[in-house]
Amino acid sequence: MRHYKPCGCYKKCTCGYPQVSPTQQLPAKTMPAQISPTKQLNEYVGQDVYIPVVHPSHTTQVNHTTYKYMHSYPHTQSVVNSVSEEHYCVCPPKKHCGCKPKHYW
């Protein structure tokens, strides 16, 4: 059976870690209780309540007659063809007082 020291050395300590004497166990003591704040928990309990709501409706049928007067305005059309005539004299004018004749075309 090997006996290792707390520093990990076997037999004689060479690491410079201080030697430890065997531990002694004292009897256990009981301290006063530490009380944490109360943790609040919620539990949901649901209940359905049915409330009847009535929405009445009514339909009235209305029969309506509309008289529509259809007015017409007949119109006739006629065509008249007319003709007229005009006569122009294109003869050169006669010389009067040494005036130059005017050209009309």
C-alpha atoms as a PDB file:
ATOM      1  CA  MET A   1       0.000   0.000   0.000  1.00  0.00           C
ATOM      2  CA  ARG A   2       1.448   3.315  -0.998  1.00  0.00           C
ATOM      3  CA  HIS A   3       1.072   6.404   1.134  1.00  0.00           C
ATOM      4  CA  TYR A   4       1.057   9.592  -0.868  1.00  0.00           C
ATOM      5  CA  LYS A   5       1.402  12.980   0.775  1.00  0.00           C
ATOM      6  CA  PRO A   6      -1.102  15.792   0.082  1.00  0.00           C
ATOM      7  CA  CYS A   7       1.469  17.353  -2.259  1.00  0.00           C
ATOM      8  CA  GLY A   8       1.663  14.121  -4.271  1.00  0.00           C
ATOM      9  CA  CYS A   9       5.160  13.062  -3.154  1.00  0.00           C
ATOM     10  CA  TYR A  10       5.871   9.508  -2.004  1.00  0.00           C
ATOM     11  CA  LYS A  11       7.758   8.900   1.238  1.00  0.00           C
ATOM     12  CA  LYS A  12       9.906  11.973   1.936  1.00  0.00           C
ATOM     13  CA  CYS A  13       8.629  15.327   0.634  1.00  0.00           C
ATOM     14  CA  THR A  14      10.899  17.063  -1.869  1.00  0.00           C
ATOM     15  CA  CYS A  15       8.525  19.726  -3.196  1.00  0.00           C
ATOM     16  CA  GLY A  16       8.611  22.031  -0.187  1.00  0.00           C
ATOM     17  CA  TYR A  17       4.910  21.607   0.495  1.00  0.00           C
ATOM     18  CA  PRO A  18       4.387  21.739   4.331  1.00  0.00           C
ATOM     19  CA  GLN A  19       3.732  18.490   6.095  1.00  0.00           C
ATOM     20  CA  VAL A  20       0.172  18.021   7.324  1.00  0.00           C
ATOM     21  CA  SER A  21      -0.754  16.257  10.487  1.00  0.00           C
ATOM     22  CA  PRO A  22      -3.663  13.822  10.479  1.00  0.00           C
ATOM     23  CA  THR A  23      -7.088  15.542  10.626  1.00  0.00           C
ATOM     24  CA  GLN A  24      -9.336  15.382  13.634  1.00  0.00           C
ATOM     25  CA  GLN A  25     -13.133  15.302  13.234  1.00  0.00           C
ATOM     26  CA  LEU A  26     -15.154  17.325  15.728  1.00  0.00           C
ATOM     27  CA  PRO A  27     -18.778  16.449  16.457  1.00  0.00           C
ATOM     28  CA  ALA A  28     -21.374  18.064  14.160  1.00  0.00           C
ATOM     29  CA  LYS A  29     -23.225  21.167  15.295  1.00  0.00           C
ATOM     30  CA  THR A  30     -26.640  22.405  14.201  1.00  0.00           C
ATOM     31  CA  MET A  31     -27.018  26.093  13.337  1.00  0.00           C
ATOM     32  CA  PRO A  32     -30.263  28.049  13.420  1.00  0.00           C
ATOM     33  CA  ALA A  33     -32.369  27.633  10.283  1.00  0.00           C
ATOM     34  CA  GLN A  34     -32.013  30.167   7.460  1.00  0.00           C
ATOM     35  CA  ILE A  35     -35.385  31.112   6.046  1.00  0.00           C
ATOM     36  CA  SER A  36     -35.625  32.166   2.415  1.00  0.00           C
ATOM     37  CA  PRO A  37     -38.384  34.490   1.212  1.00  0.00           C
ATOM     38  CA  THR A  38     -41.593  32.644   0.475  1.00  0.00           C
ATOM     39  CA  LYS A  39     -41.842  31.582  -3.162  1.00  0.00           C
ATOM     40  CA  GLN A  40     -45.230  32.505  -4.582  1.00  0.00           C
ATOM     41  CA  LEU A  41     -46.879  29.901  -6.797  1.00  0.00           C
ATOM     42  CA  ASN A  42     -50.114  30.419  -8.712  1.00  0.00           C
ATOM     43  CA  GLU A  43     -52.564  27.745  -9.638  1.00  0.00           C
ATOM     44  CA  TYR A  44     -55.177  28.519 -12.294  1.00  0.00           C
ATOM     45  CA  VAL A  45     -58.651  27.062 -11.964  1.00  0.00           C
ATOM     46  CA  GLY A  46     -60.904  28.029 -14.875  1.00  0.00           C
ATOM     47  CA  GLN A  47     -64.656  27.822 -15.237  1.00  0.00           C
ATOM     48  CA  ASP A  48     -66.733  28.502 -18.351  1.00  0.00           C
ATOM     49  CA  VAL A  49     -69.947  30.466 -17.907  1.00  0.00           C
ATOM     50  CA  TYR A  50     -72.289  30.580 -20.914  1.00  0.00           C
ATOM     51  CA  ILE A  51     -74.458  33.673 -21.351  1.00  0.00           C
ATOM     52  CA  PRO A  52     -77.110  33.406 -24.077  1.00  0.00           C
ATOM     53  CA  VAL A  53     -77.332  36.536 -26.235  1.00  0.00           C
ATOM     54  CA  VAL A  54     -80.226  36.771 -28.720  1.00  0.00           C
ATOM     55  CA  HIS A  55     -79.888  38.924 -31.855  1.00  0.00           C
ATOM     56  CA  PRO A  56     -83.346  38.979 -33.500  1.00  0.00           C
ATOM     57  CA  SER A  57     -83.813  40.012 -37.126  1.00  0.00           C
ATOM     58  CA  HIS A  58     -86.793  40.665 -39.395  1.00  0.00           C
ATOM     59  CA  THR A  59     -87.162  40.879 -43.179  1.00  0.00           C
ATOM     60  CA  THR A  60     -89.905  42.937 -44.857  1.00  0.00           C
ATOM     61  CA  GLN A  61     -90.511  42.337 -48.549  1.00  0.00           C
ATOM     62  CA  VAL A  62     -91.483  45.549 -50.375  1.00  0.00           C
ATOM     63  CA  ASN A  63     -93.126  45.126 -53.780  1.00  0.00           C
ATOM     64  CA  HIS A  64     -92.724  48.292 -55.847  1.00  0.00           C
ATOM     65  CA  THR A  65     -93.949  49.110 -59.353  1.00  0.00           C
ATOM     66  CA  THR A  66     -92.334  51.856 -61.421  1.00  0.00           C
ATOM     67  CA  TYR A  67     -94.112  53.259 -64.470  1.00  0.00           C
ATOM     68  CA  LYS A  68     -91.620  54.499 -67.031  1.00  0.00           C
ATOM     69  CA  TYR A  69     -92.966  56.778 -69.753  1.00  0.00           C
ATOM     70  CA  MET A  70     -90.962  56.403 -72.929  1.00  0.00           C
ATOM     71  CA  HIS A  71     -91.153  59.657 -74.915  1.00  0.00           C
ATOM     72  CA  SER A  72     -90.122  59.656 -78.544  1.00  0.00           C
ATOM     73  CA  TYR A  73     -89.542  62.566 -80.884  1.00  0.00           C
ATOM     74  CA  PRO A  74     -89.637  61.356 -84.472  1.00  0.00           C
ATOM     75  CA  HIS A  75     -87.787  63.595 -86.871  1.00  0.00           C
ATOM     76  CA  THR A  76     -87.684  63.593 -90.615  1.00  0.00           C
ATOM     77  CA  GLN A  77     -84.954  64.881 -92.859  1.00  0.00           C
ATOM     78  CA  SER A  78     -84.968  66.002 -96.428  1.00  0.00           C
ATOM     79  CA  VAL A  79     -82.262  66.937 -98.918  1.00  0.00           C
ATOM     80  CA  VAL A  80     -82.377  69.863-101.278  1.00  0.00           C
ATOM     81  CA  ASN A  81     -79.849  70.107-104.093  1.00  0.00           C
ATOM     82  CA  SER A  82     -79.390  73.607-105.362  1.00  0.00           C
ATOM     83  CA  VAL A  83     -77.371  74.888-108.301  1.00  0.00           C
ATOM     84  CA  SER A  84     -76.293  78.354-109.164  1.00  0.00           C
ATOM     85  CA  GLU A  85     -74.152  79.755-111.945  1.00  0.00           C
ATOM     86  CA  GLU A  86     -72.021  82.823-112.398  1.00  0.00           C
ATOM     87  CA  HIS A  87     -70.460  84.288-115.539  1.00  0.00           C
ATOM     88  CA  TYR A  88     -67.172  86.202-115.633  1.00  0.00           C
ATOM     89  CA  CYS A  89     -65.643  88.106-118.498  1.00  0.00           C
ATOM     90  CA  VAL A  90     -61.979  87.197-118.964  1.00  0.00           C
ATOM     91  CA  CYS A  91     -61.363  89.438-121.979  1.00  0.00           C
ATOM     92  CA  PRO A  92     -58.486  91.907-121.684  1.00  0.00           C
ATOM     93  CA  PRO A  93     -59.758  95.396-121.060  1.00  0.00           C
ATOM     94  CA  LYS A  94     -59.531  98.025-123.773  1.00  0.00           C
ATOM     95  CA  LYS A  95     -56.848 100.671-123.478  1.00  0.00           C
ATOM     96  CA  HIS A  96     -58.085 103.955-122.082  1.00  0.00           C
ATOM     97  CA  CYS A  97     -55.829 106.939-121.595  1.00  0.00           C
ATOM     98  CA  GLY A  98     -52.590 104.994-121.932  1.00  0.00           C
ATOM     99  CA  CYS A  99     -53.197 102.737-118.948  1.00  0.00           C
ATOM    100  CA  LYS A 100     -51.589  99.339-118.828  1.00  0.00           C
ATOM    101  CA  PRO A 101     -53.993  96.441-119.073  1.00  0.00           C
ATOM    102  CA  LYS A 102     -54.444  94.368-115.903  1.00  0.00           C
ATOM    103  CA  HIS A 103     -54.245  90.635-115.957  1.00  0.00           C
ATOM    104  CA  TYR A 104     -57.093  88.853-114.195  1.00  0.00           C
ATOM    105  CA  TRP A 105     -55.667  85.347-114.111  1.00  0.00           C
END
